[in-house]
Amino acid sequence: MSRAPILIAVLPLLLGGCVVGTVAKTAVGVVTLPVKVASAGVDAVTTSQSERDEKLGREMRKQDEERGRQWRLAWERCRKGRALPTDNCALFQQH
């Protein structure tokens, strides 16, 4: 029976380092969490110059592909004699 009070008195001292370390890690995590969340939110909302350039490049390629597709369709219509009023068949005769 005499060992129980001694063990209870010594146990917090033995586990104190573990508890303090865990509490300190938790406190650091709680303090840095708002900063991490805020920076992730800012990063999600803003775009970098390279991201803007990539997006512009994609849009320009899509527009160029569409122009090429429309040109080929107009050329085919002019070649077959089924031109639309908006087709400039004189342009295709030069090629």
Foldseek 3Di string as FASTA:
>chain_A
DVVVVVCVVCVCVVCVVVVVVVVVVVVVCVVCVVVVVVVVVVPVVDDDPVRVVVVVVVVVVVVVVVVVVVVVVQLVCLVVVNHDPPRDSVVSVVD
